[in-house]
């Protein structure tokens, strides 16, 4: 059986993937982007994605798995 760190990594990755899939399904069913409720719903989905991404990165860091940033604005790059 995998240790708790690996299980946490898997769960965080799954949660992030599901958040992204939920956003993708939102766009699949989108028909009227001028409806104000669209912006509200998208903002909620984007926040969930952000939180899930942060949790995934936290799990990776806790496991000691780190990769250099590919963001060119990173001063360490």
PDB file of N, CA and C in Angstrom:
ATOM      1  N   UNK A   1       0.846  -1.194   0.000  1.00  0.00           N
ATOM      2  CA  UNK A   1       0.000   0.000   0.000  1.00  0.00           C
ATOM      3  C   UNK A   1       0.882   1.244   0.000  1.00  0.00           C
ATOM      4  N   UNK A   2       0.437   2.248  -0.693  1.00  0.00           N
ATOM      5  CA  UNK A   2       1.177   3.505  -0.776  1.00  0.00           C
ATOM      6  C   UNK A   2       1.141   4.234   0.564  1.00  0.00           C
ATOM      7  N   UNK A   3       2.215   4.956   0.840  1.00  0.00           N
ATOM      8  CA  UNK A   3       2.231   5.698   2.101  1.00  0.00           C
ATOM      9  C   UNK A   3       1.314   6.915   2.019  1.00  0.00           C
ATOM     10  N   UNK A   4       1.128   7.582   3.138  1.00  0.00           N
ATOM     11  CA  UNK A   4       0.185   8.701   3.215  1.00  0.00           C
ATOM     12  C   UNK A   4       0.570   9.852   2.292  1.00  0.00           C
ATOM     13  N   UNK A   5       1.858  10.057   2.091  1.00  0.00           N
ATOM     14  CA  UNK A   5       2.305  11.135   1.211  1.00  0.00           C
ATOM     15  C   UNK A   5       1.869  10.879  -0.226  1.00  0.00           C
ATOM     16  N   UNK A   6       2.049   9.646  -0.677  1.00  0.00           N
ATOM     17  CA  UNK A   6       1.651   9.286  -2.048  1.00  0.00           C
ATOM     18  C   UNK A   6       0.130   9.375  -2.194  1.00  0.00           C
ATOM     19  N   UNK A   7      -0.584   8.925  -1.193  1.00  0.00           N
ATOM     20  CA  UNK A   7      -2.048   9.004  -1.237  1.00  0.00           C
ATOM     21  C   UNK A   7      -2.496  10.459  -1.305  1.00  0.00           C
ATOM     22  N   UNK A   8      -1.852  11.327  -0.529  1.00  0.00           N
ATOM     23  CA  UNK A   8      -2.192  12.754  -0.552  1.00  0.00           C
ATOM     24  C   UNK A   8      -1.902  13.360  -1.928  1.00  0.00           C
ATOM     25  N   UNK A   9      -0.777  12.960  -2.533  1.00  0.00           N
ATOM     26  CA  UNK A   9      -0.455  13.441  -3.883  1.00  0.00           C
ATOM     27  C   UNK A   9      -1.518  13.020  -4.886  1.00  0.00           C
ATOM     28  N   UNK A  10      -1.904  11.766  -4.816  1.00  0.00           N
ATOM     29  CA  UNK A  10      -2.928  11.249  -5.742  1.00  0.00           C
ATOM     30  C   UNK A  10      -4.246  11.981  -5.573  1.00  0.00           C
ATOM     31  N   UNK A  11      -4.652  12.178  -4.320  1.00  0.00           N
ATOM     32  CA  UNK A  11      -5.922  12.849  -4.052  1.00  0.00           C
ATOM     33  C   UNK A  11      -5.890  14.302  -4.513  1.00  0.00           C
ATOM     34  N   UNK A  12      -4.764  14.979  -4.279  1.00  0.00           N
ATOM     35  CA  UNK A  12      -4.650  16.369  -4.705  1.00  0.00           C
ATOM     36  C   UNK A  12      -4.662  16.473  -6.225  1.00  0.00           C
ATOM     37  N   UNK A  13      -3.980  15.563  -6.893  1.00  0.00           N
ATOM     38  CA  UNK A  13      -3.968  15.570  -8.359  1.00  0.00           C
ATOM     39  C   UNK A  13      -5.361  15.274  -8.909  1.00  0.00           C
ATOM     40  N   UNK A  14      -6.046  14.333  -8.294  1.00  0.00           N
ATOM     41  CA  UNK A  14      -7.406  14.004  -8.724  1.00  0.00           C
ATOM     42  C   UNK A  14      -8.344  15.190  -8.535  1.00  0.00           C
ATOM     43  N   UNK A  15      -8.242  15.872  -7.394  1.00  0.00           N
ATOM     44  CA  UNK A  15      -9.101  17.031  -7.133  1.00  0.00           C
ATOM     45  C   UNK A  15      -8.833  18.149  -8.134  1.00  0.00           C
ATOM     46  N   UNK A  16      -7.559  18.351  -8.461  1.00  0.00           N
ATOM     47  CA  UNK A  16      -7.218  19.383  -9.439  1.00  0.00           C
ATOM     48  C   UNK A  16      -7.763  19.014 -10.822  1.00  0.00           C
ATOM     49  N   UNK A  17      -7.564  17.780 -11.214  1.00  0.00           N
ATOM     50  CA  UNK A  17      -8.054  17.336 -12.523  1.00  0.00           C
ATOM     51  C   UNK A  17      -9.571  17.468 -12.600  1.00  0.00           C
ATOM     52  N   UNK A  18     -10.256  17.139 -11.528  1.00  0.00           N
ATOM     53  CA  UNK A  18     -11.713  17.250 -11.531  1.00  0.00           C
ATOM     54  C   UNK A  18     -12.151  18.707 -11.604  1.00  0.00           C
ATOM     55  N   UNK A  19     -11.440  19.595 -10.937  1.00  0.00           N
ATOM     56  CA  UNK A  19     -11.770  21.020 -11.008  1.00  0.00           C
ATOM     57  C   UNK A  19     -11.628  21.528 -12.442  1.00  0.00           C
ATOM     58  N   UNK A  20     -10.568  21.109 -13.116  1.00  0.00           N
ATOM     59  CA  UNK A  20     -10.359  21.519 -14.507  1.00  0.00           C
ATOM     60  C   UNK A  20     -11.445  20.922 -15.401  1.00  0.00           C
ATOM     61  N   UNK A  21     -11.776  19.646 -15.179  1.00  0.00           N
ATOM     62  CA  UNK A  21     -12.838  19.017 -15.986  1.00  0.00           C
ATOM     63  C   UNK A  21     -14.179  19.715 -15.774  1.00  0.00           C
ATOM     64  N   UNK A  22     -14.451  20.135 -14.544  1.00  0.00           N
ATOM     65  CA  UNK A  22     -15.704  20.830 -14.257  1.00  0.00           C
ATOM     66  C   UNK A  22     -15.774  22.139 -15.042  1.00  0.00           C
ATOM     67  N   UNK A  23     -14.666  22.858 -15.088  1.00  0.00           N
ATOM     68  CA  UNK A  23     -14.621  24.093 -15.873  1.00  0.00           C
ATOM     69  C   UNK A  23     -14.800  23.796 -17.359  1.00  0.00           C
ATOM     70  N   UNK A  24     -14.167  22.750 -17.826  1.00  0.00           N
ATOM     71  CA  UNK A  24     -14.300  22.368 -19.240  1.00  0.00           C
ATOM     72  C   UNK A  24     -15.759  22.031 -19.566  1.00  0.00           C
ATOM     73  N   UNK A  25     -16.434  21.306 -18.680  1.00  0.00           N
ATOM     74  CA  UNK A  25     -17.846  20.971 -18.905  1.00  0.00           C
ATOM     75  C   UNK A  25     -18.714  22.226 -18.892  1.00  0.00           C
ATOM     76  N   UNK A  26     -18.354  23.195 -18.059  1.00  0.00           N
ATOM     77  CA  UNK A  26     -19.060  24.477 -18.027  1.00  0.00           C
ATOM     78  C   UNK A  26     -19.002  25.132 -19.412  1.00  0.00           C
ATOM     79  N   UNK A  27     -17.811  25.164 -20.004  1.00  0.00           N
ATOM     80  CA  UNK A  27     -17.677  25.771 -21.329  1.00  0.00           C
ATOM     81  C   UNK A  27     -18.372  24.941 -22.403  1.00  0.00           C
ATOM     82  N   UNK A  28     -18.427  23.629 -22.237  1.00  0.00           N
ATOM     83  CA  UNK A  28     -19.136  22.778 -23.193  1.00  0.00           C
ATOM     84  C   UNK A  28     -20.615  23.125 -23.268  1.00  0.00           C
ATOM     85  N   UNK A  29     -21.191  23.489 -22.142  1.00  0.00           N
ATOM     86  CA  UNK A  29     -22.628  23.765 -22.125  1.00  0.00           C
ATOM     87  C   UNK A  29     -22.952  25.253 -22.257  1.00  0.00           C
ATOM     88  N   UNK A  30     -21.924  26.100 -22.314  1.00  0.00           N
ATOM     89  CA  UNK A  30     -22.121  27.546 -22.406  1.00  0.00           C
ATOM     90  C   UNK A  30     -22.728  27.921 -23.756  1.00  0.00           C
ATOM     91  N   UNK A  31     -23.801  28.704 -23.691  1.00  0.00           N
ATOM     92  CA  UNK A  31     -24.445  29.162 -24.915  1.00  0.00           C
ATOM     93  C   UNK A  31     -24.526  30.676 -25.008  1.00  0.00           C
ATOM     94  N   UNK A  32     -24.576  31.345 -23.861  1.00  0.00           N
ATOM     95  CA  UNK A  32     -24.731  32.798 -23.875  1.00  0.00           C
ATOM     96  C   UNK A  32     -23.722  33.419 -22.913  1.00  0.00           C
ATOM     97  N   UNK A  33     -22.619  33.884 -23.456  1.00  0.00           N
ATOM     98  CA  UNK A  33     -21.573  34.449 -22.596  1.00  0.00           C
ATOM     99  C   UNK A  33     -21.907  35.853 -22.099  1.00  0.00           C
ATOM    100  N   UNK A  34     -22.988  36.443 -22.609  1.00  0.00           N
ATOM    101  CA  UNK A  34     -23.377  37.779 -22.153  1.00  0.00           C
ATOM    102  C   UNK A  34     -24.251  37.737 -20.893  1.00  0.00           C
ATOM    103  N   UNK A  35     -24.684  36.557 -20.500  1.00  0.00           N
ATOM    104  CA  UNK A  35     -25.495  36.399 -19.295  1.00  0.00           C
ATOM    105  C   UNK A  35     -24.610  36.662 -18.075  1.00  0.00           C
ATOM    106  N   UNK A  36     -24.989  37.612 -17.206  1.00  0.00           N
ATOM    107  CA  UNK A  36     -24.161  37.937 -16.041  1.00  0.00           C
ATOM    108  C   UNK A  36     -23.893  36.742 -15.113  1.00  0.00           C
ATOM    109  N   UNK A  37     -24.794  35.791 -15.094  1.00  0.00           N
ATOM    110  CA  UNK A  37     -24.583  34.621 -14.231  1.00  0.00           C
ATOM    111  C   UNK A  37     -23.412  33.772 -14.711  1.00  0.00           C
ATOM    112  N   UNK A  38     -23.070  33.895 -15.986  1.00  0.00           N
ATOM    113  CA  UNK A  38     -21.934  33.157 -16.546  1.00  0.00           C
ATOM    114  C   UNK A  38     -20.646  33.596 -15.862  1.00  0.00           C
ATOM    115  N   UNK A  39     -20.468  34.893 -15.711  1.00  0.00           N
ATOM    116  CA  UNK A  39     -19.270  35.411 -15.071  1.00  0.00           C
ATOM    117  C   UNK A  39     -19.170  34.949 -13.622  1.00  0.00           C
ATOM    118  N   UNK A  40     -20.286  34.968 -12.928  1.00  0.00           N
ATOM    119  CA  UNK A  40     -20.303  34.525 -11.530  1.00  0.00           C
ATOM    120  C   UNK A  40     -19.931  33.050 -11.428  1.00  0.00           C
ATOM    121  N   UNK A  41     -20.539  32.241 -12.273  1.00  0.00           N
ATOM    122  CA  UNK A  41     -20.242  30.812 -12.238  1.00  0.00           C
ATOM    123  C   UNK A  41     -18.794  30.534 -12.616  1.00  0.00           C
ATOM    124  N   UNK A  42     -18.309  31.229 -13.649  1.00  0.00           N
ATOM    125  CA  UNK A  42     -16.922  31.019 -14.056  1.00  0.00           C
ATOM    126  C   UNK A  42     -15.949  31.457 -12.954  1.00  0.00           C
ATOM    127  N   UNK A  43     -16.232  32.558 -12.306  1.00  0.00           N
ATOM    128  CA  UNK A  43     -15.365  33.035 -11.221  1.00  0.00           C
ATOM    129  C   UNK A  43     -15.281  31.989 -10.110  1.00  0.00           C
ATOM    130  N   UNK A  44     -16.398  31.366  -9.806  1.00  0.00           N
ATOM    131  CA  UNK A  44     -16.420  30.308  -8.788  1.00  0.00           C
ATOM    132  C   UNK A  44     -15.578  29.120  -9.233  1.00  0.00           C
ATOM    133  N   UNK A  45     -15.759  28.706 -10.473  1.00  0.00           N
ATOM    134  CA  UNK A  45     -14.990  27.573 -10.998  1.00  0.00           C
ATOM    135  C   UNK A  45     -13.497  27.879 -11.046  1.00  0.00           C
ATOM    136  N   UNK A  46     -13.148  29.086 -11.468  1.00  0.00           N
ATOM    137  CA  UNK A  46     -11.734  29.474 -11.542  1.00  0.00           C
ATOM    138  C   UNK A  46     -11.110  29.472 -10.148  1.00  0.00           C
ATOM    139  N   UNK A  47     -11.851  29.926  -9.160  1.00  0.00           N
ATOM    140  CA  UNK A  47     -11.336  29.922  -7.779  1.00  0.00           C
ATOM    141  C   UNK A  47     -11.125  28.493  -7.283  1.00  0.00           C
ATOM    142  N   UNK A  48     -12.041  27.603  -7.613  1.00  0.00           N
ATOM    143  CA  UNK A  48     -11.874  26.193  -7.230  1.00  0.00           C
ATOM    144  C   UNK A  48     -10.640  25.588  -7.890  1.00  0.00           C
ATOM    145  N   UNK A  49     -10.430  25.918  -9.151  1.00  0.00           N
ATOM    146  CA  UNK A  49      -9.224  25.437  -9.845  1.00  0.00           C
ATOM    147  C   UNK A  49      -7.970  25.949  -9.157  1.00  0.00           C
ATOM    148  N   UNK A  50      -7.971  27.233  -8.822  1.00  0.00           N
ATOM    149  CA  UNK A  50      -6.817  27.835  -8.159  1.00  0.00           C
ATOM    150  C   UNK A  50      -6.539  27.157  -6.820  1.00  0.00           C
ATOM    151  N   UNK A  51      -7.579  26.953  -6.029  1.00  0.00           N
ATOM    152  CA  UNK A  51      -7.411  26.299  -4.730  1.00  0.00           C
ATOM    153  C   UNK A  51      -6.902  24.873  -4.888  1.00  0.00           C
ATOM    154  N   UNK A  52      -7.438  24.168  -5.871  1.00  0.00           N
ATOM    155  CA  UNK A  52      -7.002  22.785  -6.110  1.00  0.00           C
ATOM    156  C   UNK A  52      -5.557  22.743  -6.594  1.00  0.00           C
ATOM    157  N   UNK A  53      -5.169  23.706  -7.417  1.00  0.00           N
ATOM    158  CA  UNK A  53      -3.786  23.771  -7.899  1.00  0.00           C
ATOM    159  C   UNK A  53      -2.836  24.046  -6.736  1.00  0.00           C
ATOM    160  N   UNK A  54      -3.229  24.944  -5.850  1.00  0.00           N
ATOM    161  CA  UNK A  54      -2.406  25.249  -4.686  1.00  0.00           C
ATOM    162  C   UNK A  54      -2.268  24.038  -3.777  1.00  0.00           C
ATOM    163  N   UNK A  55      -3.363  23.304  -3.580  1.00  0.00           N
ATOM    164  CA  UNK A  55      -3.318  22.105  -2.751  1.00  0.00           C
ATOM    165  C   UNK A  55      -2.420  21.044  -3.375  1.00  0.00           C
ATOM    166  N   UNK A  56      -2.472  20.935  -4.689  1.00  0.00           N
ATOM    167  CA  UNK A  56      -1.613  19.977  -5.399  1.00  0.00           C
ATOM    168  C   UNK A  56      -0.143  20.356  -5.233  1.00  0.00           C
ATOM    169  N   UNK A  57       0.162  21.638  -5.391  1.00  0.00           N
ATOM    170  CA  UNK A  57       1.537  22.086  -5.205  1.00  0.00           C
ATOM    171  C   UNK A  57       2.004  21.894  -3.768  1.00  0.00           C
ATOM    172  N   UNK A  58       1.124  22.130  -2.811  1.00  0.00           N
ATOM    173  CA  UNK A  58       1.467  21.901  -1.406  1.00  0.00           C
ATOM    174  C   UNK A  58       1.773  20.432  -1.160  1.00  0.00           C
ATOM    175  N   UNK A  59       0.986  19.539  -1.757  1.00  0.00           N
ATOM    176  CA  UNK A  59       1.218  18.107  -1.597  1.00  0.00           C
ATOM    177  C   UNK A  59       2.545  17.694  -2.229  1.00  0.00           C
ATOM    178  N   UNK A  60       2.848  18.264  -3.382  1.00  0.00           N
ATOM    179  CA  UNK A  60       4.131  17.974  -4.028  1.00  0.00           C
ATOM    180  C   UNK A  60       5.292  18.450  -3.166  1.00  0.00           C
ATOM    181  N   UNK A  61       5.159  19.646  -2.636  1.00  0.00           N
ATOM    182  CA  UNK A  61       6.218  20.188  -1.781  1.00  0.00           C
ATOM    183  C   UNK A  61       6.391  19.336  -0.526  1.00  0.00           C
ATOM    184  N   UNK A  62       5.288  18.930   0.078  1.00  0.00           N
ATOM    185  CA  UNK A  62       5.352  18.092   1.278  1.00  0.00           C
ATOM    186  C   UNK A  62       6.035  16.758   0.996  1.00  0.00           C
ATOM    187  N   UNK A  63       5.908  16.292  -0.234  1.00  0.00           N
ATOM    188  CA  UNK A  63       6.532  15.029  -0.623  1.00  0.00           C
ATOM    189  C   UNK A  63       7.985  15.226  -1.054  1.00  0.00           C
ATOM    190  N   UNK A  64       8.422  16.484  -1.107  1.00  0.00           N
ATOM    191  CA  UNK A  64       9.788  16.753  -1.523  1.00  0.00           C
ATOM    192  C   UNK A  64       9.984  16.735  -3.022  1.00  0.00           C
ATOM    193  N   UNK A  65       8.883  16.861  -3.753  1.00  0.00           N
ATOM    194  CA  UNK A  65       8.945  16.871  -5.214  1.00  0.00           C
ATOM    195  C   UNK A  65       8.799  18.314  -5.666  1.00  0.00           C
ATOM    196  N   UNK A  66       9.898  18.876  -6.141  1.00  0.00           N
ATOM    197  CA  UNK A  66       9.868  20.255  -6.589  1.00  0.00           C
ATOM    198  C   UNK A  66      10.559  20.360  -7.939  1.00  0.00           C
ATOM    199  N   UNK A  67      10.010  21.192  -8.792  1.00  0.00           N
ATOM    200  CA  UNK A  67      10.643  21.460 -10.086  1.00  0.00           C
ATOM    201  C   UNK A  67      10.781  22.967 -10.228  1.00  0.00           C
ATOM    202  N   UNK A  68      11.800  23.404 -10.922  1.00  0.00           N
ATOM    203  CA  UNK A  68      11.956  24.847 -11.127  1.00  0.00           C
ATOM    204  C   UNK A  68      10.762  25.410 -11.884  1.00  0.00           C
ATOM    205  N   UNK A  69      10.442  26.626 -11.595  1.00  0.00           N
ATOM    206  CA  UNK A  69       9.343  27.294 -12.274  1.00  0.00           C
ATOM    207  C   UNK A  69       9.692  27.525 -13.740  1.00  0.00           C
ATOM    208  N   UNK A  70       8.692  27.403 -14.589  1.00  0.00           N
ATOM    209  CA  UNK A  70       8.897  27.735 -15.998  1.00  0.00           C
ATOM    210  C   UNK A  70       8.370  29.131 -16.302  1.00  0.00           C
ATOM    211  N   UNK A  71       7.896  29.800 -15.263  1.00  0.00           N
ATOM    212  CA  UNK A  71       7.390  31.156 -15.389  1.00  0.00           C
ATOM    213  C   UNK A  71       8.577  32.100 -15.549  1.00  0.00           C
ATOM    214  N   UNK A  72       8.639  32.802 -16.673  1.00  0.00           N
ATOM    215  CA  UNK A  72       9.774  33.677 -16.949  1.00  0.00           C
ATOM    216  C   UNK A  72       9.833  34.877 -16.012  1.00  0.00           C
ATOM    217  N   UNK A  73       8.742  35.182 -15.328  1.00  0.00           N
ATOM    218  CA  UNK A  73       8.765  36.307 -14.399  1.00  0.00           C
ATOM    219  C   UNK A  73       9.368  35.908 -13.055  1.00  0.00           C
ATOM    220  N   UNK A  74       9.652  34.642 -12.857  1.00  0.00           N
ATOM    221  CA  UNK A  74      10.231  34.145 -11.613  1.00  0.00           C
ATOM    222  C   UNK A  74      11.660  34.667 -11.490  1.00  0.00           C
ATOM    223  N   UNK A  75      11.972  35.418 -10.433  1.00  0.00           N
ATOM    224  CA  UNK A  75      13.313  35.973 -10.303  1.00  0.00           C
ATOM    225  C   UNK A  75      14.396  34.905 -10.112  1.00  0.00           C
ATOM    226  N   UNK A  76      14.024  33.712  -9.710  1.00  0.00           N
ATOM    227  CA  UNK A  76      14.983  32.630  -9.523  1.00  0.00           C
ATOM    228  C   UNK A  76      15.288  31.923 -10.832  1.00  0.00           C
ATOM    229  N   UNK A  77      14.601  32.278 -11.874  1.00  0.00           N
ATOM    230  CA  UNK A  77      14.735  31.615 -13.175  1.00  0.00           C
ATOM    231  C   UNK A  77      15.839  32.210 -13.994  1.00  0.00           C
TER     232      UNK A  77
END
